[in-house]
Amino acid sequence: MNRRRPRRVPDGTRSRQPPHATSRGGRGQLRLIGGEFRRRKLPIPDSPGLRPTPDRVRETLFNWLALDIGGRRVLDLYAGTGALGLEALSRGASQTTFVESTAPVAKALEANIATLGAAGHVVVAPVERFLATPPSRFDLVFLDPPFRQGLAAKTCLDLELGDWLAPDAVIYVETEHELAWSPPAPWRLHREIVAGDSHGRLFRRQSEAG
């Protein structure tokens, strides 16, 4: 969802980005940092606390994911600006489904997908309601819920039990740094990063054959 207070980037310095990197029109901007749409700047709406995941954090994450993006089906939950899902499309994902419950934010994301001509689809619904629909399996999932609302563990469990994940799916989960929670049993922690108020964890799902 990317609704955050300022946080520290991986080298321990505080990001200089304000909550909204303002443009001349008074709206924020999202800058894609790699792949086909590298350096493209997209407008994001004024919405309380809404901003892209900082460039340095995204760069670290997508370095980890370098071999796990091309041709993959991606699900971006609590999408917000869509920074993670759009970055995946820029780097060769076959398609991304974005789930965002706030209508103006979802509308702006739809417009940005159209501007890029990317293979993205926006579902305007609460994540819990979306995950209660008939599932479709995804290879890569981004999960960045609003902090301190107790959403991460339940959403992860719904993904696993609801049959939304490919056997060898990769899942990135970002939570408040102090949150203690356990992932579903088939998930194995691969990498993690602490950045200010957030703790990002990258999991690989262990298939039954693995």
Protein backbone atom coordinates (compact mmCIF):
# COMPACT_ATOMS: atom_id res chain seq x y z
CA MET A 1 0.00 0.00 0.00
CA ASN A 2 3.00 2.23 0.52
CA ARG A 3 1.44 4.52 3.13
CA ARG A 4 4.44 5.29 5.27
CA ARG A 5 6.19 7.75 7.52
CA PRO A 6 9.78 8.64 6.43
CA ARG A 7 12.13 5.71 6.92
CA ARG A 8 15.76 4.76 6.67
CA VAL A 9 17.12 3.25 3.51
CA PRO A 10 19.42 0.18 3.59
CA ASP A 11 22.68 2.09 4.13
CA GLY A 12 21.25 3.51 7.37
CA THR A 13 20.73 7.05 6.12
CA ARG A 14 17.30 8.61 6.08
CA SER A 15 15.71 8.92 2.69
CA ARG A 16 15.55 12.48 1.44
CA GLN A 17 12.28 11.81 -0.29
CA PRO A 18 9.36 13.57 1.42
CA PRO A 19 6.10 11.62 1.76
CA HIS A 20 5.12 13.14 -1.60
CA ALA A 21 7.82 13.95 -4.16
CA THR A 22 5.92 16.93 -5.49
CA SER A 23 5.66 17.92 -9.11
CA ARG A 24 4.65 21.28 -10.55
CA GLY A 25 1.01 20.33 -10.36
CA GLY A 26 1.26 19.66 -6.64
CA ARG A 27 0.96 15.90 -7.11
CA GLY A 28 3.53 13.28 -6.31
CA GLN A 29 5.53 11.25 -8.80
CA LEU A 30 6.60 7.66 -9.07
CA ARG A 31 9.89 7.03 -10.87
CA LEU A 32 10.47 3.53 -12.21
CA ILE A 33 14.08 2.48 -11.74
CA GLY A 34 14.77 -0.47 -14.01
CA GLY A 35 13.76 -2.39 -17.11
CA GLU A 36 11.74 -1.30 -20.13
CA PHE A 37 10.19 1.72 -18.40
CA ARG A 38 13.31 2.80 -16.57
CA ARG A 39 13.30 6.48 -15.56
CA ARG A 40 9.67 6.93 -16.56
CA LYS A 41 7.91 9.28 -14.16
CA LEU A 42 4.26 8.75 -13.39
CA PRO A 43 1.87 10.95 -11.40
CA ILE A 44 0.39 9.68 -8.16
CA PRO A 45 -2.64 11.23 -6.47
CA ASP A 46 -2.68 13.24 -3.29
CA SER A 47 -3.82 10.76 -0.67
CA PRO A 48 -2.80 10.77 3.00
CA GLY A 49 0.49 8.95 3.51
CA LEU A 50 0.62 7.59 -0.04
CA ARG A 51 4.05 7.37 -1.66
CA PRO A 52 6.15 4.85 -3.58
CA THR A 53 8.49 2.46 -1.84
CA PRO A 54 11.84 4.37 -1.86
CA ASP A 55 14.11 3.77 -4.85
CA ARG A 56 16.90 2.22 -2.78
CA VAL A 57 14.57 -0.34 -1.18
CA ARG A 58 13.06 -1.24 -4.55
CA GLU A 59 16.50 -1.56 -6.09
CA THR A 60 17.58 -3.99 -3.37
CA LEU A 61 14.39 -6.03 -3.67
CA PHE A 62 14.55 -6.32 -7.45
CA ASN A 63 18.22 -7.28 -7.33
CA TRP A 64 17.10 -10.20 -5.18
CA LEU A 65 14.34 -10.99 -7.69
CA ALA A 66 16.44 -10.73 -10.83
CA LEU A 67 15.82 -14.33 -11.94
CA ASP A 68 12.25 -14.52 -10.62
CA ILE A 69 10.46 -11.92 -12.77
CA GLY A 70 10.63 -12.71 -16.49
CA GLY A 71 7.36 -14.19 -17.73
CA ARG A 72 5.90 -14.44 -14.22
CA ARG A 73 2.33 -13.71 -13.13
CA VAL A 74 2.41 -11.10 -10.38
CA LEU A 75 -0.07 -10.11 -7.67
CA ASP A 76 0.34 -6.73 -5.94
CA LEU A 77 -1.88 -6.57 -2.83
CA TYR A 78 -2.64 -3.27 -1.05
CA ALA A 79 -1.16 -1.84 -4.23
CA GLY A 80 -1.27 1.91 -3.49
CA THR A 81 0.92 3.58 -6.10
CA GLY A 82 1.59 0.18 -7.69
CA ALA A 83 5.33 0.82 -7.46
CA LEU A 84 6.28 -2.82 -6.94
CA GLY A 85 3.90 -4.32 -9.48
CA LEU A 86 4.79 -1.71 -12.11
CA GLU A 87 8.48 -2.30 -11.52
CA ALA A 88 7.90 -6.02 -12.08
CA LEU A 89 6.12 -5.29 -15.38
CA SER A 90 8.99 -3.04 -16.43
CA ARG A 91 11.38 -5.90 -15.80
CA GLY A 92 9.57 -8.53 -17.82
CA ALA A 93 6.66 -9.91 -15.79
CA SER A 94 3.96 -11.23 -18.12
CA GLN A 95 1.13 -9.55 -16.22
CA THR A 96 0.31 -7.97 -12.87
CA THR A 97 -2.95 -7.87 -10.96
CA PHE A 98 -3.15 -4.89 -8.61
CA VAL A 99 -5.62 -4.91 -5.70
CA GLU A 100 -6.44 -1.50 -4.23
CA SER A 101 -9.53 -0.55 -2.21
CA THR A 102 -9.34 3.27 -2.47
CA ALA A 103 -11.14 4.26 -5.67
CA PRO A 104 -9.21 7.47 -6.57
CA VAL A 105 -5.88 5.73 -5.97
CA ALA A 106 -6.99 2.76 -8.09
CA LYS A 107 -8.15 5.09 -10.87
CA ALA A 108 -4.77 6.84 -10.95
CA LEU A 109 -3.02 3.46 -11.08
CA GLU A 110 -5.21 2.39 -14.01
CA ALA A 111 -4.26 5.58 -15.84
CA ASN A 112 -0.55 4.94 -15.27
CA ILE A 113 -0.84 1.38 -16.55
CA ALA A 114 -2.55 2.71 -19.69
CA THR A 115 0.16 5.36 -20.14
CA LEU A 116 2.82 2.66 -20.09
CA GLY A 117 0.82 0.27 -22.26
CA ALA A 118 1.64 -2.41 -19.71
CA ALA A 119 -0.13 -5.71 -19.03
CA GLY A 120 -1.69 -4.70 -15.73
CA HIS A 121 -5.17 -5.07 -14.31
CA VAL A 122 -6.57 -3.21 -11.29
CA VAL A 123 -9.16 -4.76 -8.98
CA VAL A 124 -10.92 -2.13 -6.87
CA ALA A 125 -11.77 -4.06 -3.72
CA PRO A 126 -10.55 -4.76 -0.20
CA VAL A 127 -7.87 -7.44 -0.24
CA GLU A 128 -9.89 -9.69 2.08
CA ARG A 129 -12.83 -9.67 -0.35
CA PHE A 130 -10.56 -10.28 -3.35
CA LEU A 131 -8.97 -13.31 -1.66
CA ALA A 132 -12.44 -14.75 -1.00
CA THR A 133 -13.09 -15.05 -4.76
CA PRO A 134 -12.16 -18.11 -6.86
CA PRO A 135 -8.36 -18.20 -6.96
CA SER A 136 -5.88 -17.89 -9.78
CA ARG A 137 -2.30 -18.93 -9.08
CA PHE A 138 0.49 -16.36 -9.05
CA ASP A 139 4.26 -16.79 -9.24
CA LEU A 140 5.26 -13.58 -7.44
CA VAL A 141 3.28 -11.72 -4.78
CA PHE A 142 3.92 -8.32 -3.19
CA LEU A 143 2.20 -7.76 0.14
CA ASP A 144 2.55 -4.33 1.77
CA PRO A 145 -0.48 -3.76 4.04
CA PRO A 146 -1.13 -0.68 6.17
CA PHE A 147 0.92 -0.92 9.33
CA ARG A 148 -0.43 -1.80 12.78
CA GLN A 149 -3.75 -3.16 11.61
CA GLY A 150 -2.96 -6.85 12.05
CA LEU A 151 -3.32 -7.61 8.35
CA ALA A 152 -0.05 -9.29 7.35
CA ALA A 153 -0.35 -12.71 9.01
CA LYS A 154 -4.00 -13.19 8.04
CA THR A 155 -3.43 -12.13 4.44
CA CYS A 156 -0.47 -14.50 4.12
CA LEU A 157 -2.57 -17.35 5.48
CA ASP A 158 -5.42 -16.52 3.10
CA LEU A 159 -2.97 -16.62 0.18
CA GLU A 160 -1.68 -20.03 1.21
CA LEU A 161 -4.95 -21.70 2.17
CA GLY A 162 -6.87 -20.12 -0.69
CA ASP A 163 -4.64 -21.74 -3.36
CA TRP A 164 -3.43 -18.42 -4.78
CA LEU A 165 0.23 -19.42 -5.00
CA ALA A 166 2.17 -21.40 -7.58
CA PRO A 167 4.09 -24.33 -6.07
CA ASP A 168 7.39 -22.40 -6.14
CA ALA A 169 5.96 -18.90 -5.63
CA VAL A 170 8.04 -16.02 -4.29
CA ILE A 171 6.39 -13.65 -1.79
CA TYR A 172 7.61 -10.28 -0.53
CA VAL A 173 6.02 -9.10 2.73
CA GLU A 174 6.61 -5.66 4.25
CA THR A 175 5.48 -4.96 7.83
CA GLU A 176 6.21 -2.62 10.70
CA HIS A 177 9.62 -3.50 12.14
CA GLU A 178 8.37 -4.46 15.60
CA LEU A 179 5.71 -6.92 14.40
CA ALA A 180 6.31 -10.54 15.41
CA TRP A 181 4.53 -13.01 13.15
CA SER A 182 5.05 -16.40 11.55
CA PRO A 183 4.59 -17.16 7.84
CA PRO A 184 2.66 -20.20 6.60
CA ALA A 185 4.55 -23.47 6.96
CA PRO A 186 5.64 -23.95 3.30
CA TRP A 187 7.31 -20.52 3.16
CA ARG A 188 11.05 -20.27 3.68
CA LEU A 189 12.76 -16.95 4.43
CA HIS A 190 15.21 -16.10 1.66
CA ARG A 191 16.25 -12.47 2.31
CA GLU A 192 15.24 -9.63 4.61
CA ILE A 193 15.86 -5.91 4.97
CA VAL A 194 15.13 -3.44 7.75
CA ALA A 195 14.54 0.13 6.58
CA GLY A 196 13.51 2.57 9.28
CA ASP A 197 9.99 1.68 10.40
CA SER A 198 9.63 -1.24 7.99
CA HIS A 199 10.86 -4.81 7.81
CA GLY A 200 10.80 -6.44 4.38
CA ARG A 201 11.01 -10.22 4.05
CA LEU A 202 11.33 -12.25 0.87
CA PHE A 203 10.01 -15.80 1.08
CA ARG A 204 10.24 -18.73 -1.28
CA ARG A 205 7.44 -21.23 -1.15
CA GLN A 206 8.63 -24.82 -0.88
CA SER A 207 6.74 -27.01 -3.31
CA GLU A 208 5.47 -30.42 -2.27
CA ALA A 209 8.12 -31.99 -4.47
CA GLY A 210 10.83 -29.83 -2.83
